Amino acid sequence: MEYRLGNAKKIKAKGELPKALECPKCHKEVIFSLFSNGETRLNPETIIKSGTVYFLICPECASAFTMDSSLAKSIKKDDTVLWKSDILELEAFKLDAE
């Protein structure tokens, strides 16, 4: 199975989450590392759609997850509350049907 974490050439480290959360795969309490990558897509309605993909890596089992981009952008703020439910499974990559 293939997962796509953006299509830009450079992955940017965004730091670590401010508190430990349980990894959905290995079930250990860990401090996840946060990364971002750009994603640009062409589509008939909007011509070019560009954005940022945020993803998390578990330091214990190396599993990758994602989270909502608005939440990921606010991580550096001290008042950001994170829950285990904020960690989302990656969606399998599928080519668009033509």
PDB file of N, CA and C in Angstrom:
ATOM      1  N   MET A   1       0.845  -1.169   0.000  1.00  0.00           N
ATOM      2  CA  MET A   1       0.000   0.000   0.000  1.00  0.00           C
ATOM      3  C   MET A   1       0.893   1.236   0.000  1.00  0.00           C
ATOM      4  N   GLU A   2       0.503   2.244  -0.730  1.00  0.00           N
ATOM      5  CA  GLU A   2       1.303   3.464  -0.858  1.00  0.00           C
ATOM      6  C   GLU A   2       0.574   4.622  -0.192  1.00  0.00           C
ATOM      7  N   TYR A   3       1.348   5.468   0.487  1.00  0.00           N
ATOM      8  CA  TYR A   3       0.820   6.686   1.086  1.00  0.00           C
ATOM      9  C   TYR A   3       1.595   7.855   0.514  1.00  0.00           C
ATOM     10  N   ARG A   4       0.906   8.951   0.231  1.00  0.00           N
ATOM     11  CA  ARG A   4       1.577  10.127  -0.308  1.00  0.00           C
ATOM     12  C   ARG A   4       1.460  11.258   0.711  1.00  0.00           C
ATOM     13  N   LEU A   5       2.606  11.800   1.096  1.00  0.00           N
ATOM     14  CA  LEU A   5       2.665  12.863   2.090  1.00  0.00           C
ATOM     15  C   LEU A   5       3.086  14.168   1.430  1.00  0.00           C
ATOM     16  N   GLY A   6       2.335  14.595   0.434  1.00  0.00           N
ATOM     17  CA  GLY A   6       2.676  15.789  -0.323  1.00  0.00           C
ATOM     18  C   GLY A   6       3.565  15.423  -1.496  1.00  0.00           C
ATOM     19  N   ASN A   7       3.797  16.382  -2.397  1.00  0.00           N
ATOM     20  CA  ASN A   7       4.603  16.084  -3.575  1.00  0.00           C
ATOM     21  C   ASN A   7       5.743  17.073  -3.793  1.00  0.00           C
ATOM     22  N   ALA A   8       6.056  17.884  -2.809  1.00  0.00           N
ATOM     23  CA  ALA A   8       7.206  18.783  -2.919  1.00  0.00           C
ATOM     24  C   ALA A   8       8.485  17.993  -2.641  1.00  0.00           C
ATOM     25  N   LYS A   9       9.616  18.550  -3.027  1.00  0.00           N
ATOM     26  CA  LYS A   9      10.883  17.835  -2.866  1.00  0.00           C
ATOM     27  C   LYS A   9      11.480  17.968  -1.470  1.00  0.00           C
ATOM     28  N   LYS A  10      11.029  18.932  -0.678  1.00  0.00           N
ATOM     29  CA  LYS A  10      11.649  19.163   0.615  1.00  0.00           C
ATOM     30  C   LYS A  10      10.638  18.992   1.751  1.00  0.00           C
ATOM     31  N   ILE A  11      10.939  18.071   2.654  1.00  0.00           N
ATOM     32  CA  ILE A  11      10.131  17.887   3.865  1.00  0.00           C
ATOM     33  C   ILE A  11      10.713  18.790   4.935  1.00  0.00           C
ATOM     34  N   LYS A  12       9.847  19.524   5.636  1.00  0.00           N
ATOM     35  CA  LYS A  12      10.308  20.468   6.654  1.00  0.00           C
ATOM     36  C   LYS A  12       9.962  19.949   8.045  1.00  0.00           C
ATOM     37  N   ALA A  13      10.939  19.914   8.933  1.00  0.00           N
ATOM     38  CA  ALA A  13      10.701  19.548  10.328  1.00  0.00           C
ATOM     39  C   ALA A  13      10.033  20.732  11.023  1.00  0.00           C
ATOM     40  N   LYS A  14       8.944  20.485  11.715  1.00  0.00           N
ATOM     41  CA  LYS A  14       8.207  21.534  12.415  1.00  0.00           C
ATOM     42  C   LYS A  14       8.327  21.426  13.929  1.00  0.00           C
ATOM     43  N   GLY A  15       9.176  20.518  14.409  1.00  0.00           N
ATOM     44  CA  GLY A  15       9.365  20.369  15.855  1.00  0.00           C
ATOM     45  C   GLY A  15       8.629  19.151  16.394  1.00  0.00           C
ATOM     46  N   GLU A  16       8.344  19.196  17.677  1.00  0.00           N
ATOM     47  CA  GLU A  16       7.670  18.094  18.346  1.00  0.00           C
ATOM     48  C   GLU A  16       6.366  18.586  18.941  1.00  0.00           C
ATOM     49  N   LEU A  17       5.455  17.656  19.180  1.00  0.00           N
ATOM     50  CA  LEU A  17       4.217  18.014  19.859  1.00  0.00           C
ATOM     51  C   LEU A  17       4.546  18.394  21.298  1.00  0.00           C
ATOM     52  N   PRO A  18       3.793  19.324  21.896  1.00  0.00           N
ATOM     53  CA  PRO A  18       4.135  19.813  23.228  1.00  0.00           C
ATOM     54  C   PRO A  18       3.893  18.809  24.357  1.00  0.00           C
ATOM     55  N   LYS A  19       3.137  17.737  24.086  1.00  0.00           N
ATOM     56  CA  LYS A  19       2.916  16.751  25.138  1.00  0.00           C
ATOM     57  C   LYS A  19       2.876  15.350  24.536  1.00  0.00           C
ATOM     58  N   ALA A  20       3.104  14.365  25.377  1.00  0.00           N
ATOM     59  CA  ALA A  20       3.089  12.973  24.921  1.00  0.00           C
ATOM     60  C   ALA A  20       1.656  12.510  24.695  1.00  0.00           C
ATOM     61  N   LEU A  21       1.464  11.754  23.626  1.00  0.00           N
ATOM     62  CA  LEU A  21       0.177  11.139  23.316  1.00  0.00           C
ATOM     63  C   LEU A  21       0.411   9.668  23.018  1.00  0.00           C
ATOM     64  N   GLU A  22      -0.627   8.858  23.157  1.00  0.00           N
ATOM     65  CA  GLU A  22      -0.500   7.430  22.871  1.00  0.00           C
ATOM     66  C   GLU A  22      -0.500   7.186  21.373  1.00  0.00           C
ATOM     67  N   CYS A  23       0.491   6.444  20.911  1.00  0.00           N
ATOM     68  CA  CYS A  23       0.563   6.084  19.495  1.00  0.00           C
ATOM     69  C   CYS A  23      -0.522   5.052  19.196  1.00  0.00           C
ATOM     70  N   PRO A  24      -1.335   5.268  18.155  1.00  0.00           N
ATOM     71  CA  PRO A  24      -2.379   4.308  17.809  1.00  0.00           C
ATOM     72  C   PRO A  24      -1.850   2.933  17.376  1.00  0.00           C
ATOM     73  N   LYS A  25      -0.605   2.850  16.942  1.00  0.00           N
ATOM     74  CA  LYS A  25      -0.041   1.571  16.480  1.00  0.00           C
ATOM     75  C   LYS A  25       0.650   0.796  17.600  1.00  0.00           C
ATOM     76  N   CYS A  26       1.638   1.416  18.269  1.00  0.00           N
ATOM     77  CA  CYS A  26       2.412   0.691  19.285  1.00  0.00           C
ATOM     78  C   CYS A  26       1.864   0.890  20.702  1.00  0.00           C
ATOM     79  N   HIS A  27       0.924   1.821  20.870  1.00  0.00           N
ATOM     80  CA  HIS A  27       0.242   2.093  22.147  1.00  0.00           C
ATOM     81  C   HIS A  27       1.175   2.581  23.253  1.00  0.00           C
ATOM     82  N   LYS A  28       2.296   3.183  22.876  1.00  0.00           N
ATOM     83  CA  LYS A  28       3.209   3.768  23.854  1.00  0.00           C
ATOM     84  C   LYS A  28       2.971   5.266  23.917  1.00  0.00           C
ATOM     85  N   GLU A  29       3.184   5.857  25.086  1.00  0.00           N
ATOM     86  CA  GLU A  29       3.099   7.307  25.249  1.00  0.00           C
ATOM     87  C   GLU A  29       4.386   7.911  24.686  1.00  0.00           C
ATOM     88  N   VAL A  30       4.271   8.684  23.619  1.00  0.00           N
ATOM     89  CA  VAL A  30       5.451   9.254  22.966  1.00  0.00           C
ATOM     90  C   VAL A  30       5.210  10.723  22.609  1.00  0.00           C
ATOM     91  N   ILE A  31       6.298  11.432  22.394  1.00  0.00           N
ATOM     92  CA  ILE A  31       6.206  12.801  21.876  1.00  0.00           C
ATOM     93  C   ILE A  31       6.480  12.699  20.376  1.00  0.00           C
ATOM     94  N   PHE A  32       5.455  12.930  19.579  1.00  0.00           N
ATOM     95  CA  PHE A  32       5.550  12.813  18.128  1.00  0.00           C
ATOM     96  C   PHE A  32       6.353  13.958  17.532  1.00  0.00           C
ATOM     97  N   SER A  33       7.076  13.674  16.465  1.00  0.00           N
ATOM     98  CA  SER A  33       7.737  14.706  15.666  1.00  0.00           C
ATOM     99  C   SER A  33       6.763  15.137  14.576  1.00  0.00           C
ATOM    100  N   LEU A  34       6.719  16.438  14.297  1.00  0.00           N
ATOM    101  CA  LEU A  34       5.794  17.000  13.312  1.00  0.00           C
ATOM    102  C   LEU A  34       6.580  17.470  12.093  1.00  0.00           C
ATOM    103  N   PHE A  35       6.096  17.119  10.900  1.00  0.00           N
ATOM    104  CA  PHE A  35       6.723  17.499   9.642  1.00  0.00           C
ATOM    105  C   PHE A  35       5.673  18.070   8.696  1.00  0.00           C
ATOM    106  N   SER A  36       6.131  18.804   7.683  1.00  0.00           N
ATOM    107  CA  SER A  36       5.216  19.301   6.653  1.00  0.00           C
ATOM    108  C   SER A  36       5.839  19.134   5.281  1.00  0.00           C
ATOM    109  N   ASN A  37       4.977  19.123   4.284  1.00  0.00           N
ATOM    110  CA  ASN A  37       5.413  19.036   2.898  1.00  0.00           C
ATOM    111  C   ASN A  37       4.341  19.729   2.062  1.00  0.00           C
ATOM    112  N   GLY A  38       4.748  20.359   0.984  1.00  0.00           N
ATOM    113  CA  GLY A  38       3.796  21.026   0.101  1.00  0.00           C
ATOM    114  C   GLY A  38       3.101  20.034  -0.812  1.00  0.00           C
ATOM    115  N   GLU A  39       1.921  20.405  -1.245  1.00  0.00           N
ATOM    116  CA  GLU A  39       1.196  19.570  -2.200  1.00  0.00           C
ATOM    117  C   GLU A  39       0.491  20.471  -3.198  1.00  0.00           C
ATOM    118  N   THR A  40       0.732  20.221  -4.449  1.00  0.00           N
ATOM    119  CA  THR A  40       0.103  20.974  -5.523  1.00  0.00           C
ATOM    120  C   THR A  40      -0.583  19.990  -6.458  1.00  0.00           C
ATOM    121  N   ARG A  41      -1.817  20.286  -6.794  1.00  0.00           N
ATOM    122  CA  ARG A  41      -2.578  19.420  -7.703  1.00  0.00           C
ATOM    123  C   ARG A  41      -3.254  20.259  -8.775  1.00  0.00           C
ATOM    124  N   LEU A  42      -3.342  19.696  -9.931  1.00  0.00           N
ATOM    125  CA  LEU A  42      -4.101  20.314 -11.015  1.00  0.00           C
ATOM    126  C   LEU A  42      -5.451  19.628 -11.072  1.00  0.00           C
ATOM    127  N   ASN A  43      -6.492  20.436 -11.185  1.00  0.00           N
ATOM    128  CA  ASN A  43      -7.809  19.841 -11.383  1.00  0.00           C
ATOM    129  C   ASN A  43      -8.649  20.760 -12.248  1.00  0.00           C
ATOM    130  N   PRO A  44      -9.651  20.223 -12.939  1.00  0.00           N
ATOM    131  CA  PRO A  44     -10.410  20.993 -13.923  1.00  0.00           C
ATOM    132  C   PRO A  44     -11.158  22.201 -13.370  1.00  0.00           C
ATOM    133  N   GLU A  45     -11.620  22.121 -12.117  1.00  0.00           N
ATOM    134  CA  GLU A  45     -12.420  23.228 -11.581  1.00  0.00           C
ATOM    135  C   GLU A  45     -11.580  24.427 -11.142  1.00  0.00           C
ATOM    136  N   THR A  46     -10.500  24.169 -10.422  1.00  0.00           N
ATOM    137  CA  THR A  46      -9.728  25.278  -9.844  1.00  0.00           C
ATOM    138  C   THR A  46      -8.365  25.480 -10.498  1.00  0.00           C
ATOM    139  N   ILE A  47      -8.061  24.728 -11.504  1.00  0.00           N
ATOM    140  CA  ILE A  47      -6.772  24.756 -12.206  1.00  0.00           C
ATOM    141  C   ILE A  47      -5.632  24.263 -11.304  1.00  0.00           C
ATOM    142  N   ILE A  48      -5.251  25.052 -10.306  1.00  0.00           N
ATOM    143  CA  ILE A  48      -4.170  24.641  -9.407  1.00  0.00           C
ATOM    144  C   ILE A  48      -4.669  24.729  -7.969  1.00  0.00           C
ATOM    145  N   LYS A  49      -4.484  23.645  -7.238  1.00  0.00           N
ATOM    146  CA  LYS A  49      -4.826  23.625  -5.821  1.00  0.00           C
ATOM    147  C   LYS A  49      -3.531  23.356  -5.061  1.00  0.00           C
ATOM    148  N   SER A  50      -3.199  24.267  -4.164  1.00  0.00           N
ATOM    149  CA  SER A  50      -1.929  24.148  -3.441  1.00  0.00           C
ATOM    150  C   SER A  50      -2.194  24.199  -1.950  1.00  0.00           C
ATOM    151  N   GLY A  51      -1.414  23.463  -1.187  1.00  0.00           N
ATOM    152  CA  GLY A  51      -1.584  23.463   0.257  1.00  0.00           C
ATOM    153  C   GLY A  51      -0.402  22.799   0.935  1.00  0.00           C
ATOM    154  N   THR A  52      -0.540  22.615   2.228  1.00  0.00           N
ATOM    155  CA  THR A  52       0.508  21.985   3.018  1.00  0.00           C
ATOM    156  C   THR A  52      -0.052  20.741   3.675  1.00  0.00           C
ATOM    157  N   VAL A  53       0.710  19.672   3.625  1.00  0.00           N
ATOM    158  CA  VAL A  53       0.348  18.418   4.263  1.00  0.00           C
ATOM    159  C   VAL A  53       1.177  18.301   5.535  1.00  0.00           C
ATOM    160  N   TYR A  54       0.534  18.039   6.668  1.00  0.00           N
ATOM    161  CA  TYR A  54       1.233  17.859   7.935  1.00  0.00           C
ATOM    162  C   TYR A  54       1.159  16.393   8.329  1.00  0.00           C
ATOM    163  N   PHE A  55       2.278  15.862   8.831  1.00  0.00           N
ATOM    164  CA  PHE A  55       2.255  14.479   9.278  1.00  0.00           C
ATOM    165  C   PHE A  55       3.153  14.290  10.487  1.00  0.00           C
ATOM    166  N   LEU A  56       2.853  13.252  11.254  1.00  0.00           N
ATOM    167  CA  LEU A  56       3.524  12.941  12.504  1.00  0.00           C
ATOM    168  C   LEU A  56       4.239  11.603  12.381  1.00  0.00           C
ATOM    169  N   ILE A  57       5.375  11.478  13.033  1.00  0.00           N
ATOM    170  CA  ILE A  57       6.120  10.218  13.052  1.00  0.00           C
ATOM    171  C   ILE A  57       6.300   9.789  14.508  1.00  0.00           C
ATOM    172  N   CYS A  58       5.947   8.537  14.801  1.00  0.00           N
ATOM    173  CA  CYS A  58       6.153   7.978  16.141  1.00  0.00           C
ATOM    174  C   CYS A  58       7.630   7.598  16.287  1.00  0.00           C
ATOM    175  N   PRO A  59       8.309   8.077  17.339  1.00  0.00           N
ATOM    176  CA  PRO A  59       9.725   7.754  17.507  1.00  0.00           C
ATOM    177  C   PRO A  59       9.979   6.304  17.937  1.00  0.00           C
ATOM    178  N   GLU A  60       8.961   5.608  18.390  1.00  0.00           N
ATOM    179  CA  GLU A  60       9.125   4.224  18.844  1.00  0.00           C
ATOM    180  C   GLU A  60       8.941   3.213  17.713  1.00  0.00           C
ATOM    181  N   CYS A  61       7.861   3.362  16.940  1.00  0.00           N
ATOM    182  CA  CYS A  61       7.554   2.355  15.907  1.00  0.00           C
ATOM    183  C   CYS A  61       7.676   2.893  14.488  1.00  0.00           C
ATOM    184  N   ALA A  62       7.969   4.178  14.333  1.00  0.00           N
ATOM    185  CA  ALA A  62       8.149   4.837  13.029  1.00  0.00           C
ATOM    186  C   ALA A  62       6.888   4.865  12.189  1.00  0.00           C
ATOM    187  N   SER A  63       5.724   4.728  12.807  1.00  0.00           N
ATOM    188  CA  SER A  63       4.468   4.841  12.072  1.00  0.00           C
ATOM    189  C   SER A  63       4.193   6.306  11.745  1.00  0.00           C
ATOM    190  N   ALA A  64       3.552   6.540  10.618  1.00  0.00           N
ATOM    191  CA  ALA A  64       3.231   7.906  10.185  1.00  0.00           C
ATOM    192  C   ALA A  64       1.723   8.127  10.297  1.00  0.00           C
ATOM    193  N   PHE A  65       1.359   9.323  10.730  1.00  0.00           N
ATOM    194  CA  PHE A  65      -0.031   9.724  10.883  1.00  0.00           C
ATOM    195  C   PHE A  65      -0.165  11.144  10.362  1.00  0.00           C
ATOM    196  N   THR A  66      -1.373  11.634  10.294  1.00  0.00           N
ATOM    197  CA  THR A  66      -1.603  13.015   9.877  1.00  0.00           C
ATOM    198  C   THR A  66      -2.482  13.699  10.911  1.00  0.00           C
ATOM    199  N   MET A  67      -2.677  14.992  10.745  1.00  0.00           N
ATOM    200  CA  MET A  67      -3.599  15.738  11.593  1.00  0.00           C
ATOM    201  C   MET A  67      -4.145  16.910  10.791  1.00  0.00           C
ATOM    202  N   ASP A  68      -5.210  17.477  11.260  1.00  0.00           N
ATOM    203  CA  ASP A  68      -5.844  18.616  10.609  1.00  0.00           C
ATOM    204  C   ASP A  68      -4.843  19.762  10.483  1.00  0.00           C
ATOM    205  N   SER A  69      -4.792  20.377   9.312  1.00  0.00           N
ATOM    206  CA  SER A  69      -3.786  21.422   9.073  1.00  0.00           C
ATOM    207  C   SER A  69      -3.962  22.633   9.981  1.00  0.00           C
ATOM    208  N   SER A  70      -5.201  23.020  10.303  1.00  0.00           N
ATOM    209  CA  SER A  70      -5.392  24.178  11.193  1.00  0.00           C
ATOM    210  C   SER A  70      -4.883  23.875  12.599  1.00  0.00           C
ATOM    211  N   LEU A  71      -5.041  22.640  13.047  1.00  0.00           N
ATOM    212  CA  LEU A  71      -4.517  22.247  14.351  1.00  0.00           C
ATOM    213  C   LEU A  71      -2.988  22.203  14.318  1.00  0.00           C
ATOM    214  N   ALA A  72      -2.428  21.663  13.258  1.00  0.00           N
ATOM    215  CA  ALA A  72      -0.966  21.575  13.132  1.00  0.00           C
ATOM    216  C   ALA A  72      -0.329  22.966  13.127  1.00  0.00           C
ATOM    217  N   LYS A  73      -0.979  23.939  12.506  1.00  0.00           N
ATOM    218  CA  LYS A  73      -0.439  25.297  12.457  1.00  0.00           C
ATOM    219  C   LYS A  73      -0.437  25.954  13.837  1.00  0.00           C
ATOM    220  N   SER A  74      -1.344  25.532  14.716  1.00  0.00           N
ATOM    221  CA  SER A  74      -1.452  26.159  16.035  1.00  0.00           C
ATOM    222  C   SER A  74      -0.668  25.415  17.116  1.00  0.00           C
ATOM    223  N   ILE A  75       0.086  24.395  16.754  1.00  0.00           N
ATOM    224  CA  ILE A  75       0.819  23.565  17.715  1.00  0.00           C
ATOM    225  C   ILE A  75       1.767  24.372  18.597  1.00  0.00           C
ATOM    226  N   LYS A  76       2.421  25.368  18.065  1.00  0.00           N
ATOM    227  CA  LYS A  76       3.424  26.127  18.818  1.00  0.00           C
ATOM    228  C   LYS A  76       2.817  26.992  19.921  1.00  0.00           C
ATOM    229  N   LYS A  77       1.513  27.209  19.870  1.00  0.00           N
ATOM    230  CA  LYS A  77       0.866  28.011  20.908  1.00  0.00           C
ATOM    231  C   LYS A  77       0.728  27.171  22.181  1.00  0.00           C
ATOM    232  N   ASP A  78       0.971  27.791  23.321  1.00  0.00           N
ATOM    233  CA  ASP A  78       0.899  27.073  24.594  1.00  0.00           C
ATOM    234  C   ASP A  78      -0.512  26.606  24.940  1.00  0.00           C
ATOM    235  N   ASP A  79      -1.535  27.275  24.410  1.00  0.00           N
ATOM    236  CA  ASP A  79      -2.904  26.932  24.778  1.00  0.00           C
ATOM    237  C   ASP A  79      -3.527  25.843  23.888  1.00  0.00           C
ATOM    238  N   THR A  80      -2.759  25.277  22.969  1.00  0.00           N
ATOM    239  CA  THR A  80      -3.279  24.238  22.096  1.00  0.00           C
ATOM    240  C   THR A  80      -3.483  22.953  22.894  1.00  0.00           C
ATOM    241  N   VAL A  81      -4.705  22.440  22.874  1.00  0.00           N
ATOM    242  CA  VAL A  81      -5.022  21.194  23.570  1.00  0.00           C
ATOM    243  C   VAL A  81      -5.026  20.074  22.545  1.00  0.00           C
ATOM    244  N   LEU A  82      -4.230  19.048  22.800  1.00  0.00           N
ATOM    245  CA  LEU A  82      -4.157  17.907  21.887  1.00  0.00           C
ATOM    246  C   LEU A  82      -4.767  16.674  22.533  1.00  0.00           C
ATOM    247  N   TRP A  83      -5.457  15.889  21.729  1.00  0.00           N
ATOM    248  CA  TRP A  83      -6.072  14.653  22.189  1.00  0.00           C
ATOM    249  C   TRP A  83      -5.612  13.522  21.279  1.00  0.00           C
ATOM    250  N   LYS A  84      -5.735  12.310  21.767  1.00  0.00           N
ATOM    251  CA  LYS A  84      -5.385  11.138  20.961  1.00  0.00           C
ATOM    252  C   LYS A  84      -6.199  11.120  19.670  1.00  0.00           C
ATOM    253  N   SER A  85      -7.428  11.614  19.723  1.00  0.00           N
ATOM    254  CA  SER A  85      -8.306  11.628  18.547  1.00  0.00           C
ATOM    255  C   SER A  85      -7.843  12.624  17.480  1.00  0.00           C
ATOM    256  N   ASP A  86      -6.904  13.516  17.809  1.00  0.00           N
ATOM    257  CA  ASP A  86      -6.363  14.463  16.823  1.00  0.00           C
ATOM    258  C   ASP A  86      -5.387  13.787  15.866  1.00  0.00           C
ATOM    259  N   ILE A  87      -4.894  12.605  16.238  1.00  0.00           N
ATOM    260  CA  ILE A  87      -3.966  11.851  15.397  1.00  0.00           C
ATOM    261  C   ILE A  87      -4.798  10.987  14.454  1.00  0.00           C
ATOM    262  N   LEU A  88      -4.664  11.242  13.157  1.00  0.00           N
ATOM    263  CA  LEU A  88      -5.488  10.563  12.153  1.00  0.00           C
ATOM    264  C   LEU A  88      -4.672   9.574  11.337  1.00  0.00           C
ATOM    265  N   GLU A  89      -5.305   8.500  10.928  1.00  0.00           N
ATOM    266  CA  GLU A  89      -4.658   7.522  10.053  1.00  0.00           C
ATOM    267  C   GLU A  89      -4.448   8.140   8.671  1.00  0.00           C
ATOM    268  N   LEU A  90      -3.370   7.759   8.026  1.00  0.00           N
ATOM    269  CA  LEU A  90      -3.138   8.199   6.647  1.00  0.00           C
ATOM    270  C   LEU A  90      -4.105   7.484   5.719  1.00  0.00           C
ATOM    271  N   GLU A  91      -4.511   8.159   4.671  1.00  0.00           N
ATOM    272  CA  GLU A  91      -5.352   7.526   3.652  1.00  0.00           C
ATOM    273  C   GLU A  91      -4.461   6.946   2.575  1.00  0.00           C
ATOM    274  N   ALA A  92      -4.810   5.761   2.116  1.00  0.00           N
ATOM    275  CA  ALA A  92      -4.032   5.109   1.057  1.00  0.00           C
ATOM    276  C   ALA A  92      -4.108   5.955  -0.203  1.00  0.00           C
ATOM    277  N   PHE A  93      -2.979   6.067  -0.899  1.00  0.00           N
ATOM    278  CA  PHE A  93      -2.917   6.844  -2.132  1.00  0.00           C
ATOM    279  C   PHE A  93      -3.532   6.043  -3.281  1.00  0.00           C
ATOM    280  N   LYS A  94      -4.411   6.692  -4.026  1.00  0.00           N
ATOM    281  CA  LYS A  94      -5.020   6.082  -5.202  1.00  0.00           C
ATOM    282  C   LYS A  94      -4.934   7.078  -6.343  1.00  0.00           C
ATOM    283  N   LEU A  95      -4.597   6.597  -7.505  1.00  0.00           N
ATOM    284  CA  LEU A  95      -4.603   7.467  -8.689  1.00  0.00           C
ATOM    285  C   LEU A  95      -6.033   7.848  -9.012  1.00  0.00           C
ATOM    286  N   ASP A  96      -6.234   9.104  -9.392  1.00  0.00           N
ATOM    287  CA  ASP A  96      -7.578   9.548  -9.792  1.00  0.00           C
ATOM    288  C   ASP A  96      -7.994   8.815 -11.055  1.00  0.00           C
ATOM    289  N   ALA A  97      -9.246   8.379 -11.081  1.00  0.00           N
ATOM    290  CA  ALA A  97      -9.758   7.697 -12.267  1.00  0.00           C
ATOM    291  C   ALA A  97      -9.892   8.710 -13.406  1.00  0.00           C
ATOM    292  N   GLU A  98      -9.538   8.276 -14.574  1.00  0.00           N
ATOM    293  CA  GLU A  98      -9.616   9.195 -15.720  1.00  0.00           C
ATOM    294  C   GLU A  98     -10.799   8.890 -16.584  1.00  0.00           C
TER     295      GLU A  98
END
